Amino acid sequence: MDAAVRTSILMGAVFALSQLGALVMAAVFLGSEDQIFEDPNDPLIPIYYIAAVILFTVAILYIMKKHKENLVRVIFLGAVVYTIFFVLWIMLTGLLDGLLALILSVAATAVMTYYLAKKPEWYVVDAAGIIMSIGVIGIFGISLGILPVLVLLIVLAVYDAVAVYGTKHMVSLADGVTQMRLPILLVIPKRRGYSYLDQKPLKQQLDEGGERDAMFMGLGDIIIPGVLITSAFSFLPDTDFGGLTGNFAVSMGTLLGSLLGFAILMRFVLTGNPQAGLPLLNGGAIAGYIVTYLIVFQNLSFGITLPW
């Protein structure tokens, strides 16, 4: 099998694993008390979130332009470490005694933090990225109803396309993050012996036109469509549907739609140029949601609860 195809399949598997992990977290370890928004159906929430994302991106690019990479690294690592601890603590608390869960969560987070800071190889970065994705998808999935999530996916898909093909600042951000070895990218090597520590700048590789040794995918490309998958499971009725619950059937249809979008995306990625992932991933997730919802619930409300 061609190395690029094999790498694409592995990346798709990690994508699906992260979504399924988030579903388990939402179903088993999270409850309504863990919601981060008072009104999950408020359609303005994604607008605030997107504004925050844009401002944060501008701030990070400005800091990088001023060659304050260490500050960027501290900011990202701080957010990553907190998220990893939170996810591990939530899951372990549901399985073990409270004190033991806390000790194990702190210990595991400390080990991962050490390797992220001292030896951020691709497998360390990927492990941290998967844990973060599961946690963020799970929390946002139980905190946002269907309408806000659809607004979020549509607007971010447009923003991602503009950021990659228009302003191209997302490419600059990804290049800087790669050089700092921060765990906000999924890294899948194409060959044995690959070391993320030896990874050249992405822009340099694009300019040289050589074969890339690894494929990269931003965690946002995993997290954003995943929110709709988990939200469908969390907010749709659990009525019976052929031995499954309706909410689970729709969430699986949404996952299949996002995987179809992923497969199409990979065809473009294999051309060697940077691609905006969210238009196809979000589009596939939304299409999968709509089709499966119509099959399962047979109405045109699409599970949307209007805020007025």
C-alpha atoms as a PDB file:
ATOM      1  CA  MET A   1       0.000   0.000   0.000  1.00  0.00           C
ATOM      2  CA  ASP A   2       1.224   3.487  -0.868  1.00  0.00           C
ATOM      3  CA  ALA A   3       2.677   5.292   2.171  1.00  0.00           C
ATOM      4  CA  ALA A   4       0.456   8.332   1.674  1.00  0.00           C
ATOM      5  CA  VAL A   5      -2.702   6.203   1.484  1.00  0.00           C
ATOM      6  CA  ARG A   6      -1.669   4.197   4.540  1.00  0.00           C
ATOM      7  CA  THR A   7      -1.002   7.419   6.460  1.00  0.00           C
ATOM      8  CA  SER A   8      -4.398   8.811   5.425  1.00  0.00           C
ATOM      9  CA  ILE A   9      -6.138   5.674   6.709  1.00  0.00           C
ATOM     10  CA  LEU A  10      -4.284   5.900  10.026  1.00  0.00           C
ATOM     11  CA  MET A  11      -5.245   9.546  10.374  1.00  0.00           C
ATOM     12  CA  GLY A  12      -8.870   8.677   9.620  1.00  0.00           C
ATOM     13  CA  ALA A  13      -8.736   5.978  12.292  1.00  0.00           C
ATOM     14  CA  VAL A  14      -7.439   8.458  14.879  1.00  0.00           C
ATOM     15  CA  PHE A  15     -10.145  10.909  13.800  1.00  0.00           C
ATOM     16  CA  ALA A  16     -12.851   8.280  14.378  1.00  0.00           C
ATOM     17  CA  LEU A  17     -11.256   7.092  17.639  1.00  0.00           C
ATOM     18  CA  SER A  18     -11.336  10.621  19.029  1.00  0.00           C
ATOM     19  CA  GLN A  19     -15.034  11.005  18.146  1.00  0.00           C
ATOM     20  CA  LEU A  20     -15.964   7.664  19.717  1.00  0.00           C
ATOM     21  CA  GLY A  21     -13.914   8.481  22.806  1.00  0.00           C
ATOM     22  CA  ALA A  22     -15.809  11.765  23.166  1.00  0.00           C
ATOM     23  CA  LEU A  23     -19.126   9.895  22.882  1.00  0.00           C
ATOM     24  CA  VAL A  24     -18.069   7.542  25.670  1.00  0.00           C
ATOM     25  CA  MET A  25     -17.016  10.487  27.817  1.00  0.00           C
ATOM     26  CA  ALA A  26     -20.344  12.261  27.216  1.00  0.00           C
ATOM     27  CA  ALA A  27     -22.416   9.130  27.847  1.00  0.00           C
ATOM     28  CA  VAL A  28     -20.568   7.751  30.867  1.00  0.00           C
ATOM     29  CA  PHE A  29     -18.581  10.478  32.601  1.00  0.00           C
ATOM     30  CA  LEU A  30     -20.332  13.798  31.917  1.00  0.00           C
ATOM     31  CA  GLY A  31     -23.702  15.127  33.025  1.00  0.00           C
ATOM     32  CA  SER A  32     -25.766  18.282  32.757  1.00  0.00           C
ATOM     33  CA  GLU A  33     -23.827  19.708  35.717  1.00  0.00           C
ATOM     34  CA  ASP A  34     -20.720  19.732  33.511  1.00  0.00           C
ATOM     35  CA  GLN A  35     -22.264  22.028  30.884  1.00  0.00           C
ATOM     36  CA  ILE A  36     -20.290  25.231  30.472  1.00  0.00           C
ATOM     37  CA  PHE A  37     -23.134  27.364  29.085  1.00  0.00           C
ATOM     38  CA  GLU A  38     -26.299  28.272  30.977  1.00  0.00           C
ATOM     39  CA  ASP A  39     -28.475  28.030  27.849  1.00  0.00           C
ATOM     40  CA  PRO A  40     -27.222  25.336  25.436  1.00  0.00           C
ATOM     41  CA  ASN A  41     -29.638  26.579  22.739  1.00  0.00           C
ATOM     42  CA  ASP A  42     -28.428  30.191  22.637  1.00  0.00           C
ATOM     43  CA  PRO A  43     -27.431  30.773  18.971  1.00  0.00           C
ATOM     44  CA  LEU A  44     -25.153  33.672  19.967  1.00  0.00           C
ATOM     45  CA  ILE A  45     -22.738  31.401  21.839  1.00  0.00           C
ATOM     46  CA  PRO A  46     -20.889  30.252  18.679  1.00  0.00           C
ATOM     47  CA  ILE A  47     -20.586  33.871  17.536  1.00  0.00           C
ATOM     48  CA  TYR A  48     -18.841  34.778  20.793  1.00  0.00           C
ATOM     49  CA  TYR A  49     -16.660  31.680  20.461  1.00  0.00           C
ATOM     50  CA  ILE A  50     -15.646  32.477  16.881  1.00  0.00           C
ATOM     51  CA  ALA A  51     -14.824  36.072  17.820  1.00  0.00           C
ATOM     52  CA  ALA A  52     -12.633  34.753  20.631  1.00  0.00           C
ATOM     53  CA  VAL A  53     -10.891  32.348  18.225  1.00  0.00           C
ATOM     54  CA  ILE A  54     -10.125  35.152  15.778  1.00  0.00           C
ATOM     55  CA  LEU A  55      -8.802  37.466  18.490  1.00  0.00           C
ATOM     56  CA  PHE A  56      -6.699  34.679  19.999  1.00  0.00           C
ATOM     57  CA  THR A  57      -5.251  33.788  16.571  1.00  0.00           C
ATOM     58  CA  VAL A  58      -4.377  37.417  15.858  1.00  0.00           C
ATOM     59  CA  ALA A  59      -2.719  37.731  19.278  1.00  0.00           C
ATOM     60  CA  ILE A  60      -0.660  34.555  18.795  1.00  0.00           C
ATOM     61  CA  LEU A  61       0.462  35.615  15.304  1.00  0.00           C
ATOM     62  CA  TYR A  62       1.467  39.021  16.684  1.00  0.00           C
ATOM     63  CA  ILE A  63       3.476  37.442  19.500  1.00  0.00           C
ATOM     64  CA  MET A  64       5.175  35.108  17.009  1.00  0.00           C
ATOM     65  CA  LYS A  65       5.970  38.069  14.744  1.00  0.00           C
ATOM     66  CA  LYS A  66       7.710  39.692  17.709  1.00  0.00           C
ATOM     67  CA  HIS A  67       9.750  36.478  18.101  1.00  0.00           C
ATOM     68  CA  LYS A  68       8.311  35.710  21.535  1.00  0.00           C
ATOM     69  CA  GLU A  69       7.949  32.004  20.772  1.00  0.00           C
ATOM     70  CA  ASN A  70       8.599  31.024  24.383  1.00  0.00           C
ATOM     71  CA  LEU A  71       5.532  33.002  25.474  1.00  0.00           C
ATOM     72  CA  VAL A  72       3.412  31.241  22.844  1.00  0.00           C
ATOM     73  CA  ARG A  73       4.764  27.909  24.017  1.00  0.00           C
ATOM     74  CA  VAL A  74       3.906  28.668  27.647  1.00  0.00           C
ATOM     75  CA  ILE A  75       0.368  29.757  26.715  1.00  0.00           C
ATOM     76  CA  PHE A  76      -0.347  26.650  24.646  1.00  0.00           C
ATOM     77  CA  LEU A  77       1.321  24.205  27.011  1.00  0.00           C
ATOM     78  CA  GLY A  78      -0.580  25.688  29.938  1.00  0.00           C
ATOM     79  CA  ALA A  79      -3.892  25.181  28.136  1.00  0.00           C
ATOM     80  CA  VAL A  80      -2.895  21.667  27.034  1.00  0.00           C
ATOM     81  CA  VAL A  81      -1.781  20.575  30.511  1.00  0.00           C
ATOM     82  CA  TYR A  82      -4.965  21.873  32.123  1.00  0.00           C
ATOM     83  CA  THR A  83      -7.154  20.108  29.540  1.00  0.00           C
ATOM     84  CA  ILE A  84      -5.280  16.803  29.868  1.00  0.00           C
ATOM     85  CA  PHE A  85      -5.581  16.884  33.658  1.00  0.00           C
ATOM     86  CA  PHE A  86      -9.275  17.746  33.490  1.00  0.00           C
ATOM     87  CA  VAL A  87     -10.096  14.928  31.058  1.00  0.00           C
ATOM     88  CA  LEU A  88      -8.114  12.322  32.999  1.00  0.00           C
ATOM     89  CA  TRP A  89      -9.568  13.465  36.308  1.00  0.00           C
ATOM     90  CA  ILE A  90     -13.162  13.351  35.023  1.00  0.00           C
ATOM     91  CA  MET A  91     -12.715   9.849  33.614  1.00  0.00           C
ATOM     92  CA  LEU A  92     -10.755   8.395  36.528  1.00  0.00           C
ATOM     93  CA  THR A  93     -13.152   9.891  39.075  1.00  0.00           C
ATOM     94  CA  GLY A  94     -15.896   7.852  37.437  1.00  0.00           C
ATOM     95  CA  LEU A  95     -13.869   4.662  37.841  1.00  0.00           C
ATOM     96  CA  LEU A  96     -11.820   5.015  41.020  1.00  0.00           C
ATOM     97  CA  ASP A  97     -11.827   6.465  44.511  1.00  0.00           C
ATOM     98  CA  GLY A  98     -11.595  10.262  44.467  1.00  0.00           C
ATOM     99  CA  LEU A  99      -8.129  10.574  46.041  1.00  0.00           C
ATOM    100  CA  LEU A 100      -6.638   7.791  43.906  1.00  0.00           C
ATOM    101  CA  ALA A 101      -8.178   9.332  40.789  1.00  0.00           C
ATOM    102  CA  LEU A 102      -6.626  12.681  41.682  1.00  0.00           C
ATOM    103  CA  ILE A 103      -3.170  11.179  42.322  1.00  0.00           C
ATOM    104  CA  LEU A 104      -3.196   9.211  39.061  1.00  0.00           C
ATOM    105  CA  SER A 105      -4.456  12.219  37.093  1.00  0.00           C
ATOM    106  CA  VAL A 106      -1.717  14.455  38.463  1.00  0.00           C
ATOM    107  CA  ALA A 107       0.958  11.797  37.892  1.00  0.00           C
ATOM    108  CA  ALA A 108      -0.105  11.063  34.297  1.00  0.00           C
ATOM    109  CA  THR A 109      -0.379  14.784  33.505  1.00  0.00           C
ATOM    110  CA  ALA A 110       3.072  15.424  34.999  1.00  0.00           C
ATOM    111  CA  VAL A 111       4.662  12.670  32.889  1.00  0.00           C
ATOM    112  CA  MET A 112       3.017  13.918  29.716  1.00  0.00           C
ATOM    113  CA  THR A 113       3.964  17.509  30.506  1.00  0.00           C
ATOM    114  CA  TYR A 114       7.600  16.500  30.962  1.00  0.00           C
ATOM    115  CA  TYR A 115       7.751  14.804  27.569  1.00  0.00           C
ATOM    116  CA  LEU A 116       5.850  17.614  25.838  1.00  0.00           C
ATOM    117  CA  ALA A 117       8.378  20.086  27.211  1.00  0.00           C
ATOM    118  CA  LYS A 118      11.569  18.027  26.889  1.00  0.00           C
ATOM    119  CA  LYS A 119      11.008  15.494  24.118  1.00  0.00           C
ATOM    120  CA  PRO A 120       7.860  16.265  22.109  1.00  0.00           C
ATOM    121  CA  GLU A 121       8.084  13.400  19.637  1.00  0.00           C
ATOM    122  CA  TRP A 122       5.158  12.787  17.312  1.00  0.00           C
ATOM    123  CA  TYR A 123       3.659  10.021  19.434  1.00  0.00           C
ATOM    124  CA  VAL A 124       3.727  12.206  22.555  1.00  0.00           C
ATOM    125  CA  VAL A 125       2.114  15.091  20.656  1.00  0.00           C
ATOM    126  CA  ASP A 126      -0.510  12.743  19.196  1.00  0.00           C
ATOM    127  CA  ALA A 127      -1.346  11.194  22.575  1.00  0.00           C
ATOM    128  CA  ALA A 128      -1.834  14.642  24.097  1.00  0.00           C
ATOM    129  CA  GLY A 129      -3.862  15.749  21.071  1.00  0.00           C
ATOM    130  CA  ILE A 130      -6.209  12.757  21.250  1.00  0.00           C
ATOM    131  CA  ILE A 131      -6.857  13.271  24.965  1.00  0.00           C
ATOM    132  CA  MET A 132      -7.492  16.978  24.392  1.00  0.00           C
ATOM    133  CA  SER A 133      -9.815  16.282  21.460  1.00  0.00           C
ATOM    134  CA  ILE A 134     -11.875  13.783  23.454  1.00  0.00           C
ATOM    135  CA  GLY A 135     -12.243  16.217  26.337  1.00  0.00           C
ATOM    136  CA  VAL A 136     -13.053  19.342  24.315  1.00  0.00           C
ATOM    137  CA  ILE A 137     -15.498  17.514  22.034  1.00  0.00           C
ATOM    138  CA  GLY A 138     -17.209  15.938  25.020  1.00  0.00           C
ATOM    139  CA  ILE A 139     -17.574  19.182  26.984  1.00  0.00           C
ATOM    140  CA  PHE A 140     -18.746  21.300  24.041  1.00  0.00           C
ATOM    141  CA  GLY A 141     -20.966  18.495  22.770  1.00  0.00           C
ATOM    142  CA  ILE A 142     -22.983  18.368  25.997  1.00  0.00           C
ATOM    143  CA  SER A 143     -22.951  22.167  26.329  1.00  0.00           C
ATOM    144  CA  LEU A 144     -24.262  23.220  22.908  1.00  0.00           C
ATOM    145  CA  GLY A 145     -27.616  22.299  21.408  1.00  0.00           C
ATOM    146  CA  ILE A 146     -28.110  21.488  17.740  1.00  0.00           C
ATOM    147  CA  LEU A 147     -28.802  25.041  16.504  1.00  0.00           C
ATOM    148  CA  PRO A 148     -25.680  26.669  18.043  1.00  0.00           C
ATOM    149  CA  VAL A 149     -23.537  23.770  16.817  1.00  0.00           C
ATOM    150  CA  LEU A 150     -24.819  24.097  13.251  1.00  0.00           C
ATOM    151  CA  VAL A 151     -24.092  27.838  13.350  1.00  0.00           C
ATOM    152  CA  LEU A 152     -20.617  27.112  14.725  1.00  0.00           C
ATOM    153  CA  LEU A 153     -19.806  24.545  12.014  1.00  0.00           C
ATOM    154  CA  ILE A 154     -21.029  26.695   9.130  1.00  0.00           C
ATOM    155  CA  VAL A 155     -19.270  29.893  10.201  1.00  0.00           C
ATOM    156  CA  LEU A 156     -15.996  28.138  11.090  1.00  0.00           C
ATOM    157  CA  ALA A 157     -15.993  26.318   7.749  1.00  0.00           C
ATOM    158  CA  VAL A 158     -16.146  29.699   5.990  1.00  0.00           C
ATOM    159  CA  TYR A 159     -13.489  31.147   8.296  1.00  0.00           C
ATOM    160  CA  ASP A 160     -11.162  28.181   7.715  1.00  0.00           C
ATOM    161  CA  ALA A 161     -11.456  28.537   3.936  1.00  0.00           C
ATOM    162  CA  VAL A 162     -10.656  32.255   4.117  1.00  0.00           C
ATOM    163  CA  ALA A 163      -7.777  31.670   6.558  1.00  0.00           C
ATOM    164  CA  VAL A 164      -6.146  29.004   4.359  1.00  0.00           C
ATOM    165  CA  TYR A 165      -6.882  30.160   0.807  1.00  0.00           C
ATOM    166  CA  GLY A 166      -7.417  33.904   1.333  1.00  0.00           C
ATOM    167  CA  THR A 167      -5.339  35.530   4.056  1.00  0.00           C
ATOM    168  CA  LYS A 168      -3.265  32.304   4.471  1.00  0.00           C
ATOM    169  CA  HIS A 169      -2.572  33.208   8.089  1.00  0.00           C
ATOM    170  CA  MET A 170      -3.620  29.703   9.152  1.00  0.00           C
ATOM    171  CA  VAL A 171      -0.695  28.277   7.163  1.00  0.00           C
ATOM    172  CA  SER A 172       1.687  30.646   8.978  1.00  0.00           C
ATOM    173  CA  LEU A 173       0.182  29.652  12.321  1.00  0.00           C
ATOM    174  CA  ALA A 174       0.524  25.930  11.547  1.00  0.00           C
ATOM    175  CA  ASP A 175       4.129  26.458  10.463  1.00  0.00           C
ATOM    176  CA  GLY A 176       4.995  28.256  13.695  1.00  0.00           C
ATOM    177  CA  VAL A 177       3.236  25.666  15.838  1.00  0.00           C
ATOM    178  CA  THR A 178       5.080  22.865  14.046  1.00  0.00           C
ATOM    179  CA  GLN A 179       8.424  24.433  14.811  1.00  0.00           C
ATOM    180  CA  MET A 180       7.506  24.775  18.488  1.00  0.00           C
ATOM    181  CA  ARG A 181       6.320  21.125  18.557  1.00  0.00           C
ATOM    182  CA  LEU A 182       3.063  22.115  20.241  1.00  0.00           C
ATOM    183  CA  PRO A 183       0.359  19.435  20.626  1.00  0.00           C
ATOM    184  CA  ILE A 184      -2.352  21.148  18.578  1.00  0.00           C
ATOM    185  CA  LEU A 185      -1.566  19.160  15.448  1.00  0.00           C
ATOM    186  CA  LEU A 186      -2.000  15.479  14.729  1.00  0.00           C
ATOM    187  CA  VAL A 187       1.216  14.082  13.240  1.00  0.00           C
ATOM    188  CA  ILE A 188       1.157  10.794  11.303  1.00  0.00           C
ATOM    189  CA  PRO A 189       4.570   9.701   9.908  1.00  0.00           C
ATOM    190  CA  LYS A 190       4.836   8.225   6.418  1.00  0.00           C
ATOM    191  CA  ARG A 191       7.962   6.204   7.168  1.00  0.00           C
ATOM    192  CA  ARG A 192       9.642   4.315   9.963  1.00  0.00           C
ATOM    193  CA  GLY A 193      12.218   6.220  11.946  1.00  0.00           C
ATOM    194  CA  TYR A 194      10.537   9.579  11.459  1.00  0.00           C
ATOM    195  CA  SER A 195      11.309  12.118  14.186  1.00  0.00           C
ATOM    196  CA  TYR A 196       9.097  15.132  14.747  1.00  0.00           C
ATOM    197  CA  LEU A 197      12.100  16.814  16.371  1.00  0.00           C
ATOM    198  CA  ASP A 198      13.796  16.900  12.949  1.00  0.00           C
ATOM    199  CA  GLN A 199      10.747  18.219  11.089  1.00  0.00           C
ATOM    200  CA  LYS A 200      11.558  21.060   8.692  1.00  0.00           C
ATOM    201  CA  PRO A 201       9.323  24.154   8.535  1.00  0.00           C
ATOM    202  CA  LEU A 202       6.213  23.424   6.468  1.00  0.00           C
ATOM    203  CA  LYS A 203       6.742  26.475   4.276  1.00  0.00           C
ATOM    204  CA  GLN A 204      10.280  25.320   3.496  1.00  0.00           C
ATOM    205  CA  GLN A 205       9.027  21.882   2.475  1.00  0.00           C
ATOM    206  CA  LEU A 206       6.341  23.406   0.272  1.00  0.00           C
ATOM    207  CA  ASP A 207       8.890  25.685  -1.406  1.00  0.00           C
ATOM    208  CA  GLU A 208      11.301  22.791  -1.978  1.00  0.00           C
ATOM    209  CA  GLY A 209       8.536  20.642  -3.405  1.00  0.00           C
ATOM    210  CA  GLY A 210       9.957  17.473  -1.859  1.00  0.00           C
ATOM    211  CA  GLU A 211       8.066  14.498  -0.471  1.00  0.00           C
ATOM    212  CA  ARG A 212       6.798  15.195   3.024  1.00  0.00           C
ATOM    213  CA  ASP A 213       7.761  12.701   5.718  1.00  0.00           C
ATOM    214  CA  ALA A 214       4.517  13.097   7.664  1.00  0.00           C
ATOM    215  CA  MET A 215       0.949  14.297   7.339  1.00  0.00           C
ATOM    216  CA  PHE A 216      -0.511  16.923   9.658  1.00  0.00           C
ATOM    217  CA  MET A 217      -4.032  17.702  10.766  1.00  0.00           C
ATOM    218  CA  GLY A 218      -5.036  20.490  13.127  1.00  0.00           C
ATOM    219  CA  LEU A 219      -6.952  19.419  16.216  1.00  0.00           C
ATOM    220  CA  GLY A 220      -9.664  21.870  15.222  1.00  0.00           C
ATOM    221  CA  ASP A 221     -10.393  19.652  12.225  1.00  0.00           C
ATOM    222  CA  ILE A 222     -11.115  16.830  14.660  1.00  0.00           C
ATOM    223  CA  ILE A 223     -12.868  18.818  17.365  1.00  0.00           C
ATOM    224  CA  ILE A 224     -15.272  21.047  15.415  1.00  0.00           C
ATOM    225  CA  PRO A 225     -17.184  18.382  13.436  1.00  0.00           C
ATOM    226  CA  GLY A 226     -17.003  16.152  16.504  1.00  0.00           C
ATOM    227  CA  VAL A 227     -19.065  18.643  18.516  1.00  0.00           C
ATOM    228  CA  LEU A 228     -22.077  17.965  16.251  1.00  0.00           C
ATOM    229  CA  ILE A 229     -21.605  14.198  16.685  1.00  0.00           C
ATOM    230  CA  THR A 230     -21.662  14.460  20.485  1.00  0.00           C
ATOM    231  CA  SER A 231     -24.352  17.145  20.532  1.00  0.00           C
ATOM    232  CA  ALA A 232     -26.647  14.874  18.487  1.00  0.00           C
ATOM    233  CA  PHE A 233     -26.139  12.117  21.024  1.00  0.00           C
ATOM    234  CA  SER A 234     -26.672  14.470  23.977  1.00  0.00           C
ATOM    235  CA  PHE A 235     -29.722  16.452  22.830  1.00  0.00           C
ATOM    236  CA  LEU A 236     -31.771  14.199  20.539  1.00  0.00           C
ATOM    237  CA  PRO A 237     -34.395  11.796  21.930  1.00  0.00           C
ATOM    238  CA  ASP A 238     -33.242   8.278  22.772  1.00  0.00           C
ATOM    239  CA  THR A 239     -36.265   6.650  21.133  1.00  0.00           C
ATOM    240  CA  ASP A 240     -35.875   3.128  19.777  1.00  0.00           C
ATOM    241  CA  PHE A 241     -34.607   2.758  16.208  1.00  0.00           C
ATOM    242  CA  GLY A 242     -33.952  -0.772  15.023  1.00  0.00           C
ATOM    243  CA  GLY A 243     -32.408  -1.886  18.300  1.00  0.00           C
ATOM    244  CA  LEU A 244     -30.422   1.348  18.662  1.00  0.00           C
ATOM    245  CA  THR A 245     -31.423   4.601  20.278  1.00  0.00           C
ATOM    246  CA  GLY A 246     -32.338   7.372  17.867  1.00  0.00           C
ATOM    247  CA  ASN A 247     -29.761   9.791  19.225  1.00  0.00           C
ATOM    248  CA  PHE A 248     -26.966   7.229  18.868  1.00  0.00           C
ATOM    249  CA  ALA A 249     -28.052   6.349  15.312  1.00  0.00           C
ATOM    250  CA  VAL A 250     -27.954  10.006  14.257  1.00  0.00           C
ATOM    251  CA  SER A 251     -24.587  10.569  15.932  1.00  0.00           C
ATOM    252  CA  MET A 252     -23.177   7.585  14.018  1.00  0.00           C
ATOM    253  CA  GLY A 253     -24.645   8.922  10.774  1.00  0.00           C
ATOM    254  CA  THR A 254     -22.993  12.260  11.506  1.00  0.00           C
ATOM    255  CA  LEU A 255     -19.687  10.492  12.102  1.00  0.00           C
ATOM    256  CA  LEU A 256     -20.003   8.608   8.814  1.00  0.00           C
ATOM    257  CA  GLY A 257     -20.727  11.876   7.023  1.00  0.00           C
ATOM    258  CA  SER A 258     -17.641  13.513   8.517  1.00  0.00           C
ATOM    259  CA  LEU A 259     -15.534  10.482   7.533  1.00  0.00           C
ATOM    260  CA  LEU A 260     -16.807  10.822   3.958  1.00  0.00           C
ATOM    261  CA  GLY A 261     -15.761  14.472   4.052  1.00  0.00           C
ATOM    262  CA  PHE A 262     -12.407  13.336   5.453  1.00  0.00           C
ATOM    263  CA  ALA A 263     -11.915  10.881   2.561  1.00  0.00           C
ATOM    264  CA  ILE A 264     -12.592  13.624   0.011  1.00  0.00           C
ATOM    265  CA  LEU A 265     -10.292  15.995   1.903  1.00  0.00           C
ATOM    266  CA  MET A 266      -7.454  13.461   1.777  1.00  0.00           C
ATOM    267  CA  ARG A 267      -7.682  13.313  -2.009  1.00  0.00           C
ATOM    268  CA  PHE A 268      -6.882  17.018  -2.093  1.00  0.00           C
ATOM    269  CA  VAL A 269      -4.250  16.760   0.653  1.00  0.00           C
ATOM    270  CA  LEU A 270      -2.355  14.147  -1.343  1.00  0.00           C
ATOM    271  CA  THR A 271      -1.712  16.780  -4.024  1.00  0.00           C
ATOM    272  CA  GLY A 272       0.805  18.232  -1.548  1.00  0.00           C
ATOM    273  CA  ASN A 273      -0.779  21.647  -0.946  1.00  0.00           C
ATOM    274  CA  PRO A 274      -2.276  22.944   2.318  1.00  0.00           C
ATOM    275  CA  GLN A 275      -6.020  22.405   2.450  1.00  0.00           C
ATOM    276  CA  ALA A 276      -8.803  23.882   4.550  1.00  0.00           C
ATOM    277  CA  GLY A 277     -10.235  20.902   6.375  1.00  0.00           C
ATOM    278  CA  LEU A 278     -13.413  22.293   7.931  1.00  0.00           C
ATOM    279  CA  PRO A 279     -15.419  23.001   4.746  1.00  0.00           C
ATOM    280  CA  LEU A 280     -15.397  19.307   3.824  1.00  0.00           C
ATOM    281  CA  LEU A 281     -15.357  17.864   7.350  1.00  0.00           C
ATOM    282  CA  ASN A 282     -18.123  20.116   8.654  1.00  0.00           C
ATOM    283  CA  GLY A 283     -20.054  19.799   5.417  1.00  0.00           C
ATOM    284  CA  GLY A 284     -19.876  16.007   5.618  1.00  0.00           C
ATOM    285  CA  ALA A 285     -20.926  16.011   9.277  1.00  0.00           C
ATOM    286  CA  ILE A 286     -23.905  18.299   8.603  1.00  0.00           C
ATOM    287  CA  ALA A 287     -24.986  16.237   5.585  1.00  0.00           C
ATOM    288  CA  GLY A 288     -24.686  13.021   7.589  1.00  0.00           C
ATOM    289  CA  TYR A 289     -26.693  14.565  10.410  1.00  0.00           C
ATOM    290  CA  ILE A 290     -29.502  15.783   8.148  1.00  0.00           C
ATOM    291  CA  VAL A 291     -29.860  12.526   6.216  1.00  0.00           C
ATOM    292  CA  THR A 292     -29.755  10.315   9.307  1.00  0.00           C
ATOM    293  CA  TYR A 293     -32.087  12.576  11.277  1.00  0.00           C
ATOM    294  CA  LEU A 294     -34.696  12.407   8.500  1.00  0.00           C
ATOM    295  CA  ILE A 295     -34.408   8.624   8.387  1.00  0.00           C
ATOM    296  CA  VAL A 296     -34.623   8.175  12.153  1.00  0.00           C
ATOM    297  CA  PHE A 297     -37.102  10.845  13.287  1.00  0.00           C
ATOM    298  CA  GLN A 298     -38.935  11.584  10.019  1.00  0.00           C
ATOM    299  CA  ASN A 299     -39.652  15.258  10.684  1.00  0.00           C
ATOM    300  CA  LEU A 300     -38.240  18.564   9.504  1.00  0.00           C
ATOM    301  CA  SER A 301     -37.421  20.077  12.883  1.00  0.00           C
ATOM    302  CA  PHE A 302     -33.923  18.533  12.709  1.00  0.00           C
ATOM    303  CA  GLY A 303     -33.819  18.513  16.497  1.00  0.00           C
ATOM    304  CA  ILE A 304     -33.487  22.300  16.605  1.00  0.00           C
ATOM    305  CA  THR A 305     -34.875  24.044  19.679  1.00  0.00           C
ATOM    306  CA  LEU A 306     -35.546  27.707  18.951  1.00  0.00           C
ATOM    307  CA  PRO A 307     -34.519  30.152  21.691  1.00  0.00           C
ATOM    308  CA  TRP A 308     -37.680  32.221  21.325  1.00  0.00           C
END
